[in-house]
Amino acid sequence: MKVGLVAHDGRPEVIGFAREFLGVADRAGIEVVADDLVARALGTDLEPGVPDVVVAVGGDGTMLAAVQVAIDHDAPVFGFNLGTIGFLTEVEPPELEAVVGALAAGEYTTVPRMGITASLNGVTATGLNDVVVEKIDTLRLVYLEVEVDGEPFTTYRADGLIASTPTGSTAYSFSAGGPLVDHSIEAILLTPVASHSLFARTVVFSSDARVRVTVRRGRRARASVDKVPLGEAEDGEVVEIRAASDPIRFVRFAPASFARAVTDKFRLERG
């Protein structure tokens, strides 16, 4: 088995744990591959390769980078949580030996997560969490005209608009006032950011919905997918958003509960 390693290269504790992972993986007979940046950060001779599974070491940002590697190679992905909340990185560092052993023995399952795709001016990108269309000029709001399945929906006068997956509901959408949605559900959530419109609630659409966001009134906007820039939109240009055609597969070593994850990650009061 080949495991592709993606690690946050700017944090000493992450580098230390990643080196520990390499040792445990080697003893388990797992070959680890990585890009040159990770190899240099770890001080190893790891080489690039085609992974069977992708593993992230870091926080949710590192996990999103690992998801892009997983998409490129059609491989399942999981992560060790060395971040803060870590909704995406479900495995904790003390589980290292057990998880690597299970990986080597093939004792895991994969579960699908809905991805999201956006296109702007001929450029298309796919991510796990969200598509964000937001203002460029910090002193001026943007006007974003939204159509859903070819029907006019509304125009947002706001700092921006988030189109998220249920997985992304725990990220920027949540910070903007959106609901938490079980990751096993398939849907597209539209959440305005700092809206100056009377209607500023999150709206949840079917995963089959086709969303078009048109920039209006000369207020330029920029679009991104999972924080990676997609491009800038001038007046009249459109960001097209839809569910990704293929799911993103997550490795799971034990049954998981979304309710328990919310309780644990947010340290909610029990009883």
Protein backbone atom coordinates (compact mmCIF):
# COMPACT_ATOMS: atom_id res chain seq x y z
CA MET A 1 0.00 0.00 0.00
CA LYS A 2 1.13 3.53 -0.80
CA VAL A 3 0.01 6.37 1.47
CA GLY A 4 0.29 9.95 0.31
CA LEU A 5 1.32 12.26 3.16
CA VAL A 6 0.19 15.88 3.32
CA ALA A 7 1.49 17.86 6.30
CA HIS A 8 1.45 21.47 7.50
CA ASP A 9 5.12 22.36 7.07
CA GLY A 10 5.14 25.42 9.33
CA ARG A 11 4.45 23.90 12.75
CA PRO A 12 7.12 21.97 14.70
CA GLU A 13 4.59 19.73 16.45
CA VAL A 14 3.14 18.70 13.09
CA ILE A 15 6.58 17.93 11.65
CA GLY A 16 7.42 15.88 14.74
CA PHE A 17 4.23 13.85 14.52
CA ALA A 18 4.64 13.36 10.76
CA ARG A 19 8.11 11.89 11.34
CA GLU A 20 6.63 9.61 13.98
CA PHE A 21 3.99 8.55 11.45
CA LEU A 22 6.74 7.66 8.96
CA GLY A 23 8.40 5.36 11.48
CA VAL A 24 5.17 3.57 12.41
CA ALA A 25 4.18 3.25 8.74
CA ASP A 26 7.59 1.79 7.82
CA ARG A 27 7.31 -0.85 10.54
CA ALA A 28 3.84 -1.74 9.26
CA GLY A 29 5.12 -2.21 5.71
CA ILE A 30 3.40 0.87 4.30
CA GLU A 31 5.18 2.93 1.65
CA VAL A 32 4.78 6.69 2.13
CA VAL A 33 4.95 9.13 -0.79
CA ALA A 34 4.89 12.93 -0.66
CA ASP A 35 5.66 16.00 -2.72
CA ASP A 36 9.03 17.73 -2.53
CA LEU A 37 7.80 20.43 -0.15
CA VAL A 38 6.73 17.90 2.49
CA ALA A 39 9.88 15.81 1.97
CA ARG A 40 12.11 18.85 2.55
CA ALA A 41 10.13 19.91 5.64
CA LEU A 42 10.54 16.45 7.14
CA GLY A 43 14.19 16.16 6.12
CA THR A 44 13.57 12.85 4.35
CA ASP A 45 14.06 11.37 0.89
CA LEU A 46 10.35 10.76 0.30
CA GLU A 47 9.38 10.88 -3.36
CA PRO A 48 6.15 11.70 -5.18
CA GLY A 49 3.92 8.80 -6.18
CA VAL A 50 0.37 7.67 -6.81
CA PRO A 51 -1.24 7.00 -3.41
CA ASP A 52 -3.83 4.38 -2.55
CA VAL A 53 -4.86 6.46 0.48
CA VAL A 54 -4.11 10.08 1.38
CA VAL A 55 -3.43 11.14 4.98
CA ALA A 56 -3.30 14.69 6.34
CA VAL A 57 -1.34 15.75 9.42
CA GLY A 58 -2.47 19.13 10.72
CA GLY A 59 -5.76 20.98 10.98
CA ASP A 60 -8.74 21.42 8.68
CA GLY A 61 -6.74 23.59 6.28
CA THR A 62 -4.23 20.80 5.77
CA MET A 63 -7.11 18.39 5.35
CA LEU A 64 -8.52 20.51 2.52
CA ALA A 65 -5.12 20.37 0.80
CA ALA A 66 -5.12 16.59 1.24
CA VAL A 67 -8.61 16.42 -0.27
CA GLN A 68 -7.26 18.04 -3.44
CA VAL A 69 -4.60 15.32 -3.66
CA ALA A 70 -7.29 12.69 -3.08
CA ILE A 71 -9.44 14.18 -5.87
CA ASP A 72 -6.49 14.22 -8.26
CA HIS A 73 -5.76 10.52 -7.63
CA ASP A 74 -9.30 9.26 -6.94
CA ALA A 75 -8.14 8.03 -3.53
CA PRO A 76 -9.84 8.01 -0.12
CA VAL A 77 -8.56 10.42 2.53
CA PHE A 78 -8.37 10.85 6.30
CA GLY A 79 -6.49 13.08 8.71
CA PHE A 80 -4.82 13.26 12.11
CA ASN A 81 -6.08 16.25 14.08
CA LEU A 82 -3.28 18.55 15.16
CA GLY A 83 -5.43 21.64 14.71
CA THR A 84 -8.05 23.30 16.90
CA ILE A 85 -11.61 22.08 16.27
CA GLY A 86 -10.71 19.63 13.53
CA PHE A 87 -14.10 18.68 12.10
CA LEU A 88 -12.49 17.16 9.03
CA THR A 89 -9.55 15.45 10.72
CA GLU A 90 -11.36 12.75 12.66
CA VAL A 91 -8.36 10.80 14.01
CA GLU A 92 -6.50 11.96 17.12
CA PRO A 93 -2.69 11.58 17.52
CA PRO A 94 -2.86 8.96 20.34
CA GLU A 95 -4.57 6.64 17.85
CA LEU A 96 -1.50 6.55 15.58
CA GLU A 97 -0.37 2.94 16.18
CA ALA A 98 -3.90 1.52 16.04
CA VAL A 99 -4.84 3.45 12.92
CA VAL A 100 -1.70 2.56 10.97
CA GLY A 101 -2.18 -1.09 11.95
CA ALA A 102 -5.77 -1.03 10.74
CA LEU A 103 -4.69 0.69 7.53
CA ALA A 104 -2.04 -1.94 6.82
CA ALA A 105 -4.54 -4.73 7.50
CA GLY A 106 -7.23 -3.15 5.34
CA GLU A 107 -9.52 -2.88 8.36
CA TYR A 108 -11.36 0.27 7.39
CA THR A 109 -14.30 1.42 5.33
CA THR A 110 -14.87 4.47 3.16
CA VAL A 111 -17.84 6.81 3.26
CA PRO A 112 -18.83 9.28 0.54
CA ARG A 113 -18.98 13.01 1.11
CA MET A 114 -20.56 15.41 -1.36
CA GLY A 115 -18.16 17.82 -3.04
CA ILE A 116 -18.91 21.12 -4.75
CA THR A 117 -17.80 22.47 -8.13
CA ALA A 118 -17.64 26.05 -9.40
CA SER A 119 -16.86 27.55 -12.81
CA LEU A 120 -15.91 31.12 -13.72
CA ASN A 121 -14.72 32.35 -17.11
CA GLY A 122 -13.77 28.86 -18.28
CA VAL A 123 -11.94 27.89 -15.09
CA THR A 124 -13.44 25.06 -13.03
CA ALA A 125 -12.47 23.75 -9.59
CA THR A 126 -13.86 21.20 -7.15
CA GLY A 127 -13.67 21.25 -3.38
CA LEU A 128 -15.11 19.70 -0.25
CA ASN A 129 -16.34 22.63 1.82
CA ASP A 130 -17.56 25.64 -0.09
CA VAL A 131 -17.56 28.15 -2.89
CA VAL A 132 -17.28 31.77 -1.77
CA VAL A 133 -18.10 34.81 -3.91
CA GLU A 134 -17.07 37.97 -2.07
CA LYS A 135 -16.25 41.64 -2.42
CA ILE A 136 -12.82 42.85 -3.50
CA ASP A 137 -13.22 46.48 -2.43
CA THR A 138 -13.33 46.39 1.36
CA LEU A 139 -15.37 49.61 1.50
CA ARG A 140 -18.13 48.54 -0.89
CA LEU A 141 -20.68 45.74 -0.76
CA VAL A 142 -21.28 43.49 -3.74
CA TYR A 143 -24.58 42.88 -5.50
CA LEU A 144 -24.96 39.19 -6.28
CA GLU A 145 -27.93 38.12 -8.38
CA VAL A 146 -28.77 34.47 -7.76
CA GLU A 147 -30.64 32.05 -10.01
CA VAL A 148 -31.47 28.48 -9.03
CA ASP A 149 -32.29 25.97 -11.78
CA GLY A 150 -32.85 28.81 -14.23
CA GLU A 151 -35.33 30.64 -11.99
CA PRO A 152 -34.58 34.04 -10.42
CA PHE A 153 -34.12 33.66 -6.66
CA THR A 154 -32.90 36.90 -5.07
CA THR A 155 -30.16 39.54 -5.16
CA TYR A 156 -27.88 39.79 -2.15
CA ARG A 157 -26.34 43.11 -1.14
CA ALA A 158 -23.64 41.80 1.14
CA ASP A 159 -19.96 41.22 1.80
CA GLY A 160 -20.31 37.92 -0.02
CA LEU A 161 -22.16 34.66 -0.47
CA ILE A 162 -21.17 31.14 0.60
CA ALA A 163 -22.39 28.05 -1.23
CA SER A 164 -21.44 25.15 1.00
CA THR A 165 -21.81 21.41 1.24
CA PRO A 166 -23.04 19.80 4.47
CA THR A 167 -19.39 19.10 5.28
CA GLY A 168 -18.68 22.80 4.77
CA SER A 169 -21.57 23.74 7.04
CA THR A 170 -19.16 23.43 9.98
CA ALA A 171 -16.72 25.91 8.43
CA TYR A 172 -17.19 29.46 7.04
CA SER A 173 -20.95 29.00 6.60
CA PHE A 174 -21.31 28.31 10.32
CA SER A 175 -19.24 31.38 11.19
CA ALA A 176 -21.61 33.44 9.01
CA GLY A 177 -24.65 32.20 10.92
CA GLY A 178 -25.54 29.09 8.92
CA PRO A 179 -26.77 25.82 10.46
CA LEU A 180 -24.75 22.71 11.14
CA VAL A 181 -25.83 19.94 8.77
CA ASP A 182 -25.09 16.23 9.12
CA HIS A 183 -22.25 15.42 6.72
CA SER A 184 -24.08 12.38 5.33
CA ILE A 185 -26.81 14.60 3.84
CA GLU A 186 -26.46 15.89 0.29
CA ALA A 187 -27.50 19.52 -0.22
CA ILE A 188 -26.24 22.97 -1.21
CA LEU A 189 -26.48 25.67 1.46
CA LEU A 190 -26.54 29.35 0.47
CA THR A 191 -25.46 31.65 3.29
CA PRO A 192 -24.94 35.41 2.80
CA VAL A 193 -22.08 37.13 4.59
CA ALA A 194 -22.94 40.35 6.44
CA SER A 195 -26.03 40.86 4.30
CA HIS A 196 -27.63 44.30 4.10
CA SER A 197 -30.80 42.75 2.70
CA LEU A 198 -33.86 42.04 4.81
CA PHE A 199 -33.62 38.37 3.86
CA ALA A 200 -30.35 37.05 5.26
CA ARG A 201 -31.13 33.47 6.25
CA THR A 202 -29.41 30.35 4.99
CA VAL A 203 -31.41 28.53 2.33
CA VAL A 204 -30.88 24.80 1.75
CA PHE A 205 -31.34 23.47 -1.77
CA SER A 206 -31.26 19.99 -3.24
CA SER A 207 -27.89 18.64 -4.31
CA ASP A 208 -29.31 18.58 -7.85
CA ALA A 209 -29.68 22.38 -7.85
CA ARG A 210 -27.76 24.47 -10.36
CA VAL A 211 -26.85 27.84 -8.86
CA ARG A 212 -25.76 30.86 -10.90
CA VAL A 213 -24.33 33.90 -9.14
CA THR A 214 -24.08 36.99 -11.35
CA VAL A 215 -22.09 40.05 -10.30
CA ARG A 216 -24.09 43.28 -10.76
CA ARG A 217 -23.86 47.09 -10.51
CA GLY A 218 -20.18 47.32 -11.34
CA ARG A 219 -19.07 45.80 -8.03
CA ARG A 220 -16.29 43.34 -8.86
CA ALA A 221 -16.07 40.13 -6.85
CA ARG A 222 -13.64 37.28 -6.38
CA ALA A 223 -14.51 33.61 -6.17
CA SER A 224 -12.73 30.79 -4.39
CA VAL A 225 -13.20 27.07 -3.82
CA ASP A 226 -12.05 25.82 -0.41
CA LYS A 227 -10.10 29.10 -0.05
CA VAL A 228 -8.20 28.53 -3.31
CA PRO A 229 -8.75 31.45 -5.74
CA LEU A 230 -10.90 30.65 -8.76
CA GLY A 231 -10.79 34.11 -10.33
CA GLU A 232 -12.30 37.59 -10.35
CA ALA A 233 -15.71 38.43 -11.80
CA GLU A 234 -16.59 41.70 -13.49
CA ASP A 235 -20.08 43.15 -13.83
CA GLY A 236 -22.30 40.62 -15.62
CA GLU A 237 -19.96 37.67 -15.21
CA VAL A 238 -21.30 34.48 -13.67
CA VAL A 239 -20.07 31.93 -11.13
CA GLU A 240 -21.80 28.62 -11.79
CA ILE A 241 -22.10 26.27 -8.83
CA ARG A 242 -23.24 22.66 -8.60
CA ALA A 243 -22.60 19.50 -6.63
CA ALA A 244 -19.47 17.65 -7.73
CA SER A 245 -20.11 14.77 -10.10
CA ASP A 246 -18.15 12.31 -7.94
CA PRO A 247 -18.15 11.99 -4.14
CA ILE A 248 -15.04 12.48 -2.04
CA ARG A 249 -14.30 9.32 -0.09
CA PHE A 250 -13.31 9.50 3.57
CA VAL A 251 -11.57 6.65 5.37
CA ARG A 252 -13.38 5.54 8.50
CA PHE A 253 -11.89 3.20 11.11
CA ALA A 254 -14.91 3.08 13.43
CA PRO A 255 -18.60 4.04 13.32
CA ALA A 256 -19.07 7.80 13.61
CA SER A 257 -21.88 9.99 14.91
CA PHE A 258 -22.33 13.56 13.68
CA ALA A 259 -24.18 14.46 16.89
CA ARG A 260 -21.30 13.14 18.99
CA ALA A 261 -18.78 14.99 16.84
CA VAL A 262 -20.63 18.30 17.37
CA THR A 263 -20.85 17.66 21.12
CA ASP A 264 -17.15 16.82 21.37
CA LYS A 265 -15.74 19.47 19.04
CA PHE A 266 -17.78 22.32 20.55
CA ARG A 267 -17.58 20.89 24.09
CA LEU A 268 -21.32 21.12 24.50
CA GLU A 269 -22.85 20.52 27.91
CA ARG A 270 -24.10 16.98 28.43
CA GLY A 271 -27.08 16.36 30.72
